[in-house]
Amino acid sequence: MDFEITSDKRNELLSRREVRFTLQYDGATPSRMQIIGKICALLNVKDQQVVLDSLKSRYGRMELTGEARIYDSEEVKKKTERAHLMTRGMPKPKQEGAA
C-alpha cells in the first residue's frame, strides 16, 4: 500500500485536522480499518480520534482517494461527529448466545 497525503489542514474551530489522501494498492480494496490503521501509523494518532469521511475509487484503477478527520480528543469527536460515520467500518460486537 502506497499512502500519500495530498492536503493536511488544521480546523481550530472544531479542534481537528482535515486530511485528504491518495492510496495506491495491489489486490483487493483495503478495508476501512486498514486505512484507519495506516493513517494512525503515519500521523502518530489513536484510532479512536480518526473518522473516515469519504473513500472514492475509479473503475479499473488500483487507486483510492479519501478524506479523514483527526480530532484532538475522543470527547470532541463525539460532540461534533455524526453517529453513523463513527461506527461505519468498525467491527461489530459479537452477541453472546447467538448461534
PDB file of N, CA and C in Angstrom:
ATOM      1  N   MET A   1       0.837  -1.175   0.000  1.00  0.00           N
ATOM      2  CA  MET A   1       0.000   0.000   0.000  1.00  0.00           C
ATOM      3  C   MET A   1       0.884   1.240   0.000  1.00  0.00           C
ATOM      4  N   ASP A   2       0.661   2.109  -0.963  1.00  0.00           N
ATOM      5  CA  ASP A   2       1.396   3.366  -1.056  1.00  0.00           C
ATOM      6  C   ASP A   2       0.450   4.489  -0.665  1.00  0.00           C
ATOM      7  N   PHE A   3       0.736   5.159   0.438  1.00  0.00           N
ATOM      8  CA  PHE A   3      -0.143   6.158   1.032  1.00  0.00           C
ATOM      9  C   PHE A   3       0.480   7.532   0.882  1.00  0.00           C
ATOM     10  N   GLU A   4      -0.260   8.485   0.316  1.00  0.00           N
ATOM     11  CA  GLU A   4       0.254   9.839   0.134  1.00  0.00           C
ATOM     12  C   GLU A   4      -0.778  10.849   0.623  1.00  0.00           C
ATOM     13  N   ILE A   5      -0.366  11.745   1.503  1.00  0.00           N
ATOM     14  CA  ILE A   5      -1.246  12.797   1.995  1.00  0.00           C
ATOM     15  C   ILE A   5      -1.161  13.972   1.024  1.00  0.00           C
ATOM     16  N   THR A   6      -2.312  14.352   0.460  1.00  0.00           N
ATOM     17  CA  THR A   6      -2.335  15.436  -0.516  1.00  0.00           C
ATOM     18  C   THR A   6      -2.682  16.777   0.114  1.00  0.00           C
ATOM     19  N   SER A   7      -3.404  16.761   1.242  1.00  0.00           N
ATOM     20  CA  SER A   7      -3.768  18.004   1.916  1.00  0.00           C
ATOM     21  C   SER A   7      -3.907  17.725   3.407  1.00  0.00           C
ATOM     22  N   ASP A   8      -3.385  18.634   4.219  1.00  0.00           N
ATOM     23  CA  ASP A   8      -3.471  18.495   5.673  1.00  0.00           C
ATOM     24  C   ASP A   8      -3.739  19.886   6.250  1.00  0.00           C
ATOM     25  N   LYS A   9      -4.994  20.130   6.635  1.00  0.00           N
ATOM     26  CA  LYS A   9      -5.388  21.440   7.145  1.00  0.00           C
ATOM     27  C   LYS A   9      -5.815  21.323   8.602  1.00  0.00           C
ATOM     28  N   ARG A  10      -5.595  22.360   9.353  1.00  0.00           N
ATOM     29  CA  ARG A  10      -5.993  22.424  10.760  1.00  0.00           C
ATOM     30  C   ARG A  10      -7.267  23.271  10.863  1.00  0.00           C
ATOM     31  N   ASN A  11      -8.298  22.746  11.539  1.00  0.00           N
ATOM     32  CA  ASN A  11      -9.543  23.457  11.781  1.00  0.00           C
ATOM     33  C   ASN A  11      -9.632  23.709  13.282  1.00  0.00           C
ATOM     34  N   GLU A  12      -9.202  24.879  13.708  1.00  0.00           N
ATOM     35  CA  GLU A  12      -9.158  25.216  15.131  1.00  0.00           C
ATOM     36  C   GLU A  12     -10.546  25.320  15.736  1.00  0.00           C
ATOM     37  N   LEU A  13     -11.515  25.769  14.968  1.00  0.00           N
ATOM     38  CA  LEU A  13     -12.869  25.943  15.477  1.00  0.00           C
ATOM     39  C   LEU A  13     -13.463  24.618  15.956  1.00  0.00           C
ATOM     40  N   LEU A  14     -13.190  23.534  15.244  1.00  0.00           N
ATOM     41  CA  LEU A  14     -13.716  22.218  15.595  1.00  0.00           C
ATOM     42  C   LEU A  14     -12.670  21.311  16.234  1.00  0.00           C
ATOM     43  N   SER A  15     -11.490  21.824  16.503  1.00  0.00           N
ATOM     44  CA  SER A  15     -10.400  21.079  17.156  1.00  0.00           C
ATOM     45  C   SER A  15     -10.057  19.795  16.410  1.00  0.00           C
ATOM     46  N   ARG A  16      -9.774  19.925  15.135  1.00  0.00           N
ATOM     47  CA  ARG A  16      -9.451  18.745  14.334  1.00  0.00           C
ATOM     48  C   ARG A  16      -8.545  19.105  13.169  1.00  0.00           C
ATOM     49  N   ARG A  17      -7.939  18.040  12.594  1.00  0.00           N
ATOM     50  CA  ARG A  17      -7.175  18.129  11.345  1.00  0.00           C
ATOM     51  C   ARG A  17      -8.013  17.496  10.257  1.00  0.00           C
ATOM     52  N   GLU A  18      -8.024  18.108   9.093  1.00  0.00           N
ATOM     53  CA  GLU A  18      -8.753  17.572   7.950  1.00  0.00           C
ATOM     54  C   GLU A  18      -7.722  17.145   6.909  1.00  0.00           C
ATOM     55  N   VAL A  19      -7.694  15.842   6.648  1.00  0.00           N
ATOM     56  CA  VAL A  19      -6.653  15.259   5.807  1.00  0.00           C
ATOM     57  C   VAL A  19      -7.284  14.654   4.561  1.00  0.00           C
ATOM     58  N   ARG A  20      -6.694  14.952   3.418  1.00  0.00           N
ATOM     59  CA  ARG A  20      -7.066  14.298   2.153  1.00  0.00           C
ATOM     60  C   ARG A  20      -5.879  13.446   1.730  1.00  0.00           C
ATOM     61  N   PHE A  21      -6.178  12.273   1.168  1.00  0.00           N
ATOM     62  CA  PHE A  21      -5.098  11.351   0.836  1.00  0.00           C
ATOM     63  C   PHE A  21      -5.395  10.570  -0.426  1.00  0.00           C
ATOM     64  N   THR A  22      -4.326  10.001  -0.971  1.00  0.00           N
ATOM     65  CA  THR A  22      -4.406   9.096  -2.115  1.00  0.00           C
ATOM     66  C   THR A  22      -3.721   7.804  -1.710  1.00  0.00           C
ATOM     67  N   LEU A  23      -4.363   6.697  -2.001  1.00  0.00           N
ATOM     68  CA  LEU A  23      -3.859   5.384  -1.607  1.00  0.00           C
ATOM     69  C   LEU A  23      -3.794   4.498  -2.844  1.00  0.00           C
ATOM     70  N   GLN A  24      -2.612   3.974  -3.135  1.00  0.00           N
ATOM     71  CA  GLN A  24      -2.452   3.020  -4.226  1.00  0.00           C
ATOM     72  C   GLN A  24      -2.213   1.653  -3.610  1.00  0.00           C
ATOM     73  N   TYR A  25      -2.919   0.648  -4.124  1.00  0.00           N
ATOM     74  CA  TYR A  25      -2.878  -0.688  -3.527  1.00  0.00           C
ATOM     75  C   TYR A  25      -2.835  -1.754  -4.610  1.00  0.00           C
ATOM     76  N   ASP A  26      -2.475  -2.964  -4.197  1.00  0.00           N
ATOM     77  CA  ASP A  26      -2.484  -4.130  -5.084  1.00  0.00           C
ATOM     78  C   ASP A  26      -3.511  -5.110  -4.543  1.00  0.00           C
ATOM     79  N   GLY A  27      -4.220  -5.771  -5.430  1.00  0.00           N
ATOM     80  CA  GLY A  27      -5.194  -6.768  -4.995  1.00  0.00           C
ATOM     81  C   GLY A  27      -6.519  -6.146  -4.607  1.00  0.00           C
ATOM     82  N   ALA A  28      -7.102  -6.673  -3.530  1.00  0.00           N
ATOM     83  CA  ALA A  28      -8.418  -6.219  -3.084  1.00  0.00           C
ATOM     84  C   ALA A  28      -8.339  -4.820  -2.469  1.00  0.00           C
ATOM     85  N   THR A  29      -9.455  -4.125  -2.522  1.00  0.00           N
ATOM     86  CA  THR A  29      -9.540  -2.805  -1.916  1.00  0.00           C
ATOM     87  C   THR A  29      -9.381  -2.932  -0.407  1.00  0.00           C
ATOM     88  N   PRO A  30      -8.527  -2.112   0.202  1.00  0.00           N
ATOM     89  CA  PRO A  30      -8.333  -2.204   1.655  1.00  0.00           C
ATOM     90  C   PRO A  30      -9.602  -1.818   2.421  1.00  0.00           C
ATOM     91  N   SER A  31      -9.777  -2.421   3.577  1.00  0.00           N
ATOM     92  CA  SER A  31     -10.951  -2.123   4.402  1.00  0.00           C
ATOM     93  C   SER A  31     -10.763  -0.779   5.102  1.00  0.00           C
ATOM     94  N   ARG A  32     -11.850  -0.265   5.642  1.00  0.00           N
ATOM     95  CA  ARG A  32     -11.782   0.995   6.370  1.00  0.00           C
ATOM     96  C   ARG A  32     -10.863   0.892   7.583  1.00  0.00           C
ATOM     97  N   MET A  33     -10.865  -0.252   8.257  1.00  0.00           N
ATOM     98  CA  MET A  33      -9.995  -0.437   9.419  1.00  0.00           C
ATOM     99  C   MET A  33      -8.524  -0.430   9.014  1.00  0.00           C
ATOM    100  N   GLN A  34      -8.194  -1.022   7.865  1.00  0.00           N
ATOM    101  CA  GLN A  34      -6.816  -1.000   7.387  1.00  0.00           C
ATOM    102  C   GLN A  34      -6.379   0.424   7.046  1.00  0.00           C
ATOM    103  N   ILE A  35      -7.274   1.196   6.448  1.00  0.00           N
ATOM    104  CA  ILE A  35      -6.947   2.574   6.082  1.00  0.00           C
ATOM    105  C   ILE A  35      -6.766   3.423   7.339  1.00  0.00           C
ATOM    106  N   ILE A  36      -7.656   3.252   8.328  1.00  0.00           N
ATOM    107  CA  ILE A  36      -7.524   3.976   9.591  1.00  0.00           C
ATOM    108  C   ILE A  36      -6.209   3.602  10.271  1.00  0.00           C
ATOM    109  N   GLY A  37      -5.847   2.333  10.239  1.00  0.00           N
ATOM    110  CA  GLY A  37      -4.584   1.895  10.824  1.00  0.00           C
ATOM    111  C   GLY A  37      -3.388   2.539  10.153  1.00  0.00           C
ATOM    112  N   LYS A  38      -3.437   2.674   8.841  1.00  0.00           N
ATOM    113  CA  LYS A  38      -2.337   3.303   8.103  1.00  0.00           C
ATOM    114  C   LYS A  38      -2.235   4.791   8.452  1.00  0.00           C
ATOM    115  N   ILE A  39      -3.380   5.473   8.551  1.00  0.00           N
ATOM    116  CA  ILE A  39      -3.384   6.893   8.920  1.00  0.00           C
ATOM    117  C   ILE A  39      -2.818   7.066  10.323  1.00  0.00           C
ATOM    118  N   CYS A  40      -3.231   6.214  11.245  1.00  0.00           N
ATOM    119  CA  CYS A  40      -2.745   6.296  12.630  1.00  0.00           C
ATOM    120  C   CYS A  40      -1.242   6.076  12.705  1.00  0.00           C
ATOM    121  N   ALA A  41      -0.736   5.136  11.937  1.00  0.00           N
ATOM    122  CA  ALA A  41       0.696   4.848  11.952  1.00  0.00           C
ATOM    123  C   ALA A  41       1.506   6.010  11.367  1.00  0.00           C
ATOM    124  N   LEU A  42       1.025   6.603  10.291  1.00  0.00           N
ATOM    125  CA  LEU A  42       1.770   7.686   9.645  1.00  0.00           C
ATOM    126  C   LEU A  42       1.722   8.987  10.438  1.00  0.00           C
ATOM    127  N   LEU A  43       0.571   9.285  11.041  1.00  0.00           N
ATOM    128  CA  LEU A  43       0.396  10.571  11.707  1.00  0.00           C
ATOM    129  C   LEU A  43       0.524  10.485  13.223  1.00  0.00           C
ATOM    130  N   ASN A  44       0.792   9.285  13.734  1.00  0.00           N
ATOM    131  CA  ASN A  44       1.010   9.067  15.160  1.00  0.00           C
ATOM    132  C   ASN A  44      -0.175   9.535  16.007  1.00  0.00           C
ATOM    133  N   VAL A  45      -1.377   9.031  15.675  1.00  0.00           N
ATOM    134  CA  VAL A  45      -2.597   9.334  16.425  1.00  0.00           C
ATOM    135  C   VAL A  45      -3.287   8.029  16.794  1.00  0.00           C
ATOM    136  N   LYS A  46      -4.238   8.099  17.719  1.00  0.00           N
ATOM    137  CA  LYS A  46      -5.004   6.927  18.134  1.00  0.00           C
ATOM    138  C   LYS A  46      -6.176   6.718  17.185  1.00  0.00           C
ATOM    139  N   ASP A  47      -6.572   5.454  16.987  1.00  0.00           N
ATOM    140  CA  ASP A  47      -7.657   5.168  16.050  1.00  0.00           C
ATOM    141  C   ASP A  47      -9.014   5.670  16.540  1.00  0.00           C
ATOM    142  N   GLN A  48      -9.177   5.942  17.852  1.00  0.00           N
ATOM    143  CA  GLN A  48     -10.423   6.478  18.367  1.00  0.00           C
ATOM    144  C   GLN A  48     -10.614   7.942  17.970  1.00  0.00           C
ATOM    145  N   GLN A  49      -9.571   8.598  17.496  1.00  0.00           N
ATOM    146  CA  GLN A  49      -9.640  10.008  17.122  1.00  0.00           C
ATOM    147  C   GLN A  49      -9.886  10.214  15.635  1.00  0.00           C
ATOM    148  N   VAL A  50      -9.865   9.141  14.839  1.00  0.00           N
ATOM    149  CA  VAL A  50      -9.938   9.251  13.384  1.00  0.00           C
ATOM    150  C   VAL A  50     -11.324   8.859  12.880  1.00  0.00           C
ATOM    151  N   VAL A  51     -11.851   9.661  11.944  1.00  0.00           N
ATOM    152  CA  VAL A  51     -13.107   9.349  11.273  1.00  0.00           C
ATOM    153  C   VAL A  51     -12.860   9.452   9.772  1.00  0.00           C
ATOM    154  N   LEU A  52     -13.176   8.386   9.047  1.00  0.00           N
ATOM    155  CA  LEU A  52     -13.083   8.419   7.586  1.00  0.00           C
ATOM    156  C   LEU A  52     -14.384   8.990   7.047  1.00  0.00           C
ATOM    157  N   ASP A  53     -14.280  10.035   6.250  1.00  0.00           N
ATOM    158  CA  ASP A  53     -15.474  10.655   5.712  1.00  0.00           C
ATOM    159  C   ASP A  53     -15.872  10.009   4.394  1.00  0.00           C
ATOM    160  N   SER A  54     -15.020  10.081   3.414  1.00  0.00           N
ATOM    161  CA  SER A  54     -15.373   9.523   2.113  1.00  0.00           C
ATOM    162  C   SER A  54     -14.182   8.788   1.511  1.00  0.00           C
ATOM    163  N   LEU A  55     -14.486   7.740   0.774  1.00  0.00           N
ATOM    164  CA  LEU A  55     -13.499   6.975   0.016  1.00  0.00           C
ATOM    165  C   LEU A  55     -14.031   6.830  -1.395  1.00  0.00           C
ATOM    166  N   LYS A  56     -13.222   7.187  -2.366  1.00  0.00           N
ATOM    167  CA  LYS A  56     -13.656   7.117  -3.757  1.00  0.00           C
ATOM    168  C   LYS A  56     -12.604   6.388  -4.577  1.00  0.00           C
ATOM    169  N   SER A  57     -13.065   5.431  -5.363  1.00  0.00           N
ATOM    170  CA  SER A  57     -12.162   4.727  -6.268  1.00  0.00           C
ATOM    171  C   SER A  57     -12.762   4.780  -7.663  1.00  0.00           C
ATOM    172  N   ARG A  58     -11.882   4.682  -8.644  1.00  0.00           N
ATOM    173  CA  ARG A  58     -12.333   4.692 -10.021  1.00  0.00           C
ATOM    174  C   ARG A  58     -12.226   3.297 -10.607  1.00  0.00           C
ATOM    175  N   TYR A  59     -13.114   3.016 -11.509  1.00  0.00           N
ATOM    176  CA  TYR A  59     -13.163   1.709 -12.138  1.00  0.00           C
ATOM    177  C   TYR A  59     -11.856   1.416 -12.871  1.00  0.00           C
ATOM    178  N   GLY A  60     -11.293   0.236 -12.618  1.00  0.00           N
ATOM    179  CA  GLY A  60     -10.103  -0.217 -13.327  1.00  0.00           C
ATOM    180  C   GLY A  60      -8.795   0.328 -12.784  1.00  0.00           C
ATOM    181  N   ARG A  61      -8.827   1.123 -11.748  1.00  0.00           N
ATOM    182  CA  ARG A  61      -7.598   1.678 -11.187  1.00  0.00           C
ATOM    183  C   ARG A  61      -7.427   1.168  -9.770  1.00  0.00           C
ATOM    184  N   MET A  62      -6.216   0.884  -9.416  1.00  0.00           N
ATOM    185  CA  MET A  62      -5.889   0.437  -8.060  1.00  0.00           C
ATOM    186  C   MET A  62      -5.506   1.654  -7.230  1.00  0.00           C
ATOM    187  N   GLU A  63      -6.393   2.645  -7.242  1.00  0.00           N
ATOM    188  CA  GLU A  63      -6.122   3.897  -6.554  1.00  0.00           C
ATOM    189  C   GLU A  63      -7.401   4.367  -5.864  1.00  0.00           C
ATOM    190  N   LEU A  64      -7.221   4.940  -4.702  1.00  0.00           N
ATOM    191  CA  LEU A  64      -8.331   5.363  -3.872  1.00  0.00           C
ATOM    192  C   LEU A  64      -8.028   6.755  -3.342  1.00  0.00           C
ATOM    193  N   THR A  65      -9.006   7.654  -3.377  1.00  0.00           N
ATOM    194  CA  THR A  65      -8.850   8.958  -2.765  1.00  0.00           C
ATOM    195  C   THR A  65      -9.855   9.063  -1.632  1.00  0.00           C
ATOM    196  N   GLY A  66      -9.483   9.767  -0.589  1.00  0.00           N
ATOM    197  CA  GLY A  66     -10.383   9.858   0.543  1.00  0.00           C
ATOM    198  C   GLY A  66     -10.097  11.054   1.425  1.00  0.00           C
ATOM    199  N   GLU A  67     -11.015  11.229   2.385  1.00  0.00           N
ATOM    200  CA  GLU A  67     -10.895  12.298   3.353  1.00  0.00           C
ATOM    201  C   GLU A  67     -11.060  11.713   4.744  1.00  0.00           C
ATOM    202  N   ALA A  68     -10.276  12.231   5.676  1.00  0.00           N
ATOM    203  CA  ALA A  68     -10.354  11.792   7.070  1.00  0.00           C
ATOM    204  C   ALA A  68     -10.276  13.013   7.972  1.00  0.00           C
ATOM    205  N   ARG A  69     -10.903  12.891   9.134  1.00  0.00           N
ATOM    206  CA  ARG A  69     -10.828  13.939  10.140  1.00  0.00           C
ATOM    207  C   ARG A  69     -10.195  13.353  11.398  1.00  0.00           C
ATOM    208  N   ILE A  70      -9.210  14.067  11.928  1.00  0.00           N
ATOM    209  CA  ILE A  70      -8.490  13.607  13.114  1.00  0.00           C
ATOM    210  C   ILE A  70      -8.734  14.621  14.224  1.00  0.00           C
ATOM    211  N   TYR A  71      -9.429  14.186  15.250  1.00  0.00           N
ATOM    212  CA  TYR A  71      -9.803  15.069  16.352  1.00  0.00           C
ATOM    213  C   TYR A  71      -8.725  15.077  17.428  1.00  0.00           C
ATOM    214  N   ASP A  72      -8.702  16.159  18.214  1.00  0.00           N
ATOM    215  CA  ASP A  72      -7.738  16.284  19.302  1.00  0.00           C
ATOM    216  C   ASP A  72      -8.016  15.285  20.417  1.00  0.00           C
ATOM    217  N   SER A  73      -9.303  14.978  20.661  1.00  0.00           N
ATOM    218  CA  SER A  73      -9.667  14.011  21.690  1.00  0.00           C
ATOM    219  C   SER A  73     -10.950  13.295  21.279  1.00  0.00           C
ATOM    220  N   GLU A  74     -11.214  12.180  21.926  1.00  0.00           N
ATOM    221  CA  GLU A  74     -12.408  11.406  21.620  1.00  0.00           C
ATOM    222  C   GLU A  74     -13.676  12.138  22.057  1.00  0.00           C
ATOM    223  N   GLU A  75     -13.599  12.941  23.113  1.00  0.00           N
ATOM    224  CA  GLU A  75     -14.757  13.699  23.584  1.00  0.00           C
ATOM    225  C   GLU A  75     -15.193  14.738  22.555  1.00  0.00           C
ATOM    226  N   VAL A  76     -14.232  15.422  21.948  1.00  0.00           N
ATOM    227  CA  VAL A  76     -14.541  16.414  20.917  1.00  0.00           C
ATOM    228  C   VAL A  76     -15.158  15.718  19.710  1.00  0.00           C
ATOM    229  N   LYS A  77     -14.658  14.557  19.374  1.00  0.00           N
ATOM    230  CA  LYS A  77     -15.193  13.790  18.250  1.00  0.00           C
ATOM    231  C   LYS A  77     -16.653  13.435  18.485  1.00  0.00           C
ATOM    232  N   LYS A  78     -16.983  12.990  19.680  1.00  0.00           N
ATOM    233  CA  LYS A  78     -18.363  12.600  19.988  1.00  0.00           C
ATOM    234  C   LYS A  78     -19.309  13.787  19.969  1.00  0.00           C
ATOM    235  N   LYS A  79     -18.808  14.976  20.280  1.00  0.00           N
ATOM    236  CA  LYS A  79     -19.659  16.173  20.273  1.00  0.00           C
ATOM    237  C   LYS A  79     -20.007  16.630  18.864  1.00  0.00           C
ATOM    238  N   THR A  80     -19.075  16.506  17.928  1.00  0.00           N
ATOM    239  CA  THR A  80     -19.271  17.106  16.607  1.00  0.00           C
ATOM    240  C   THR A  80     -19.580  16.113  15.496  1.00  0.00           C
ATOM    241  N   GLU A  81     -19.149  14.884  15.620  1.00  0.00           N
ATOM    242  CA  GLU A  81     -19.262  13.926  14.510  1.00  0.00           C
ATOM    243  C   GLU A  81     -20.608  13.202  14.533  1.00  0.00           C
ATOM    244  N   ARG A  82     -21.113  12.890  13.341  1.00  0.00           N
ATOM    245  CA  ARG A  82     -22.362  12.140  13.219  1.00  0.00           C
ATOM    246  C   ARG A  82     -22.134  10.684  13.616  1.00  0.00           C
ATOM    247  N   ALA A  83     -23.138  10.102  14.276  1.00  0.00           N
ATOM    248  CA  ALA A  83     -23.007   8.756  14.850  1.00  0.00           C
ATOM    249  C   ALA A  83     -22.738   7.695  13.792  1.00  0.00           C
ATOM    250  N   HIS A  84     -23.392   7.783  12.643  1.00  0.00           N
ATOM    251  CA  HIS A  84     -23.210   6.730  11.634  1.00  0.00           C
ATOM    252  C   HIS A  84     -21.805   6.740  11.040  1.00  0.00           C
ATOM    253  N   LEU A  85     -21.151   7.899  11.008  1.00  0.00           N
ATOM    254  CA  LEU A  85     -19.779   7.939  10.496  1.00  0.00           C
ATOM    255  C   LEU A  85     -18.784   7.376  11.501  1.00  0.00           C
ATOM    256  N   MET A  86     -19.080   7.518  12.793  1.00  0.00           N
ATOM    257  CA  MET A  86     -18.172   6.990  13.809  1.00  0.00           C
ATOM    258  C   MET A  86     -18.203   5.466  13.853  1.00  0.00           C
ATOM    259  N   THR A  87     -19.354   4.860  13.536  1.00  0.00           N
ATOM    260  CA  THR A  87     -19.478   3.406  13.616  1.00  0.00           C
ATOM    261  C   THR A  87     -19.223   2.714  12.281  1.00  0.00           C
ATOM    262  N   ARG A  88     -19.186   3.458  11.189  1.00  0.00           N
ATOM    263  CA  ARG A  88     -19.006   2.850   9.873  1.00  0.00           C
ATOM    264  C   ARG A  88     -17.632   2.205   9.751  1.00  0.00           C
ATOM    265  N   GLY A  89     -17.617   0.960   9.352  1.00  0.00           N
ATOM    266  CA  GLY A  89     -16.362   0.249   9.133  1.00  0.00           C
ATOM    267  C   GLY A  89     -15.774  -0.385  10.372  1.00  0.00           C
ATOM    268  N   MET A  90     -16.340  -0.130  11.530  1.00  0.00           N
ATOM    269  CA  MET A  90     -15.830  -0.729  12.764  1.00  0.00           C
ATOM    270  C   MET A  90     -16.377  -2.147  12.901  1.00  0.00           C
ATOM    271  N   PRO A  91     -15.609  -3.044  13.508  1.00  0.00           N
ATOM    272  CA  PRO A  91     -16.110  -4.408  13.702  1.00  0.00           C
ATOM    273  C   PRO A  91     -17.303  -4.406  14.655  1.00  0.00           C
ATOM    274  N   LYS A  92     -18.299  -5.235  14.324  1.00  0.00           N
ATOM    275  CA  LYS A  92     -19.490  -5.313  15.161  1.00  0.00           C
ATOM    276  C   LYS A  92     -19.211  -6.169  16.379  1.00  0.00           C
ATOM    277  N   PRO A  93     -19.741  -5.780  17.544  1.00  0.00           N
ATOM    278  CA  PRO A  93     -19.543  -6.605  18.746  1.00  0.00           C
ATOM    279  C   PRO A  93     -20.292  -7.923  18.611  1.00  0.00           C
ATOM    280  N   LYS A  94     -19.664  -8.993  19.060  1.00  0.00           N
ATOM    281  CA  LYS A  94     -20.285 -10.319  18.972  1.00  0.00           C
ATOM    282  C   LYS A  94     -21.290 -10.473  20.100  1.00  0.00           C
ATOM    283  N   GLN A  95     -22.457 -10.998  19.746  1.00  0.00           N
ATOM    284  CA  GLN A  95     -23.501 -11.222  20.752  1.00  0.00           C
ATOM    285  C   GLN A  95     -23.324 -12.577  21.381  1.00  0.00           C
ATOM    286  N   GLU A  96     -23.490 -12.636  22.675  1.00  0.00           N
ATOM    287  CA  GLU A  96     -23.341 -13.901  23.382  1.00  0.00           C
ATOM    288  C   GLU A  96     -24.609 -14.717  23.218  1.00  0.00           C
ATOM    289  N   GLY A  97     -24.457 -16.016  23.045  1.00  0.00           N
ATOM    290  CA  GLY A  97     -25.575 -16.929  22.941  1.00  0.00           C
ATOM    291  C   GLY A  97     -26.176 -17.007  21.547  1.00  0.00           C
ATOM    292  N   ALA A  98     -25.674 -16.261  20.598  1.00  0.00           N
ATOM    293  CA  ALA A  98     -26.193 -16.326  19.232  1.00  0.00           C
ATOM    294  C   ALA A  98     -25.607 -17.541  18.537  1.00  0.00           C
ATOM    295  N   ALA A  99     -26.449 -18.211  17.747  1.00  0.00           N
ATOM    296  CA  ALA A  99     -25.989 -19.420  17.051  1.00  0.00           C
ATOM    297  C   ALA A  99     -25.478 -19.120  15.696  1.00  0.00           C
TER     298      ALA A  99
END
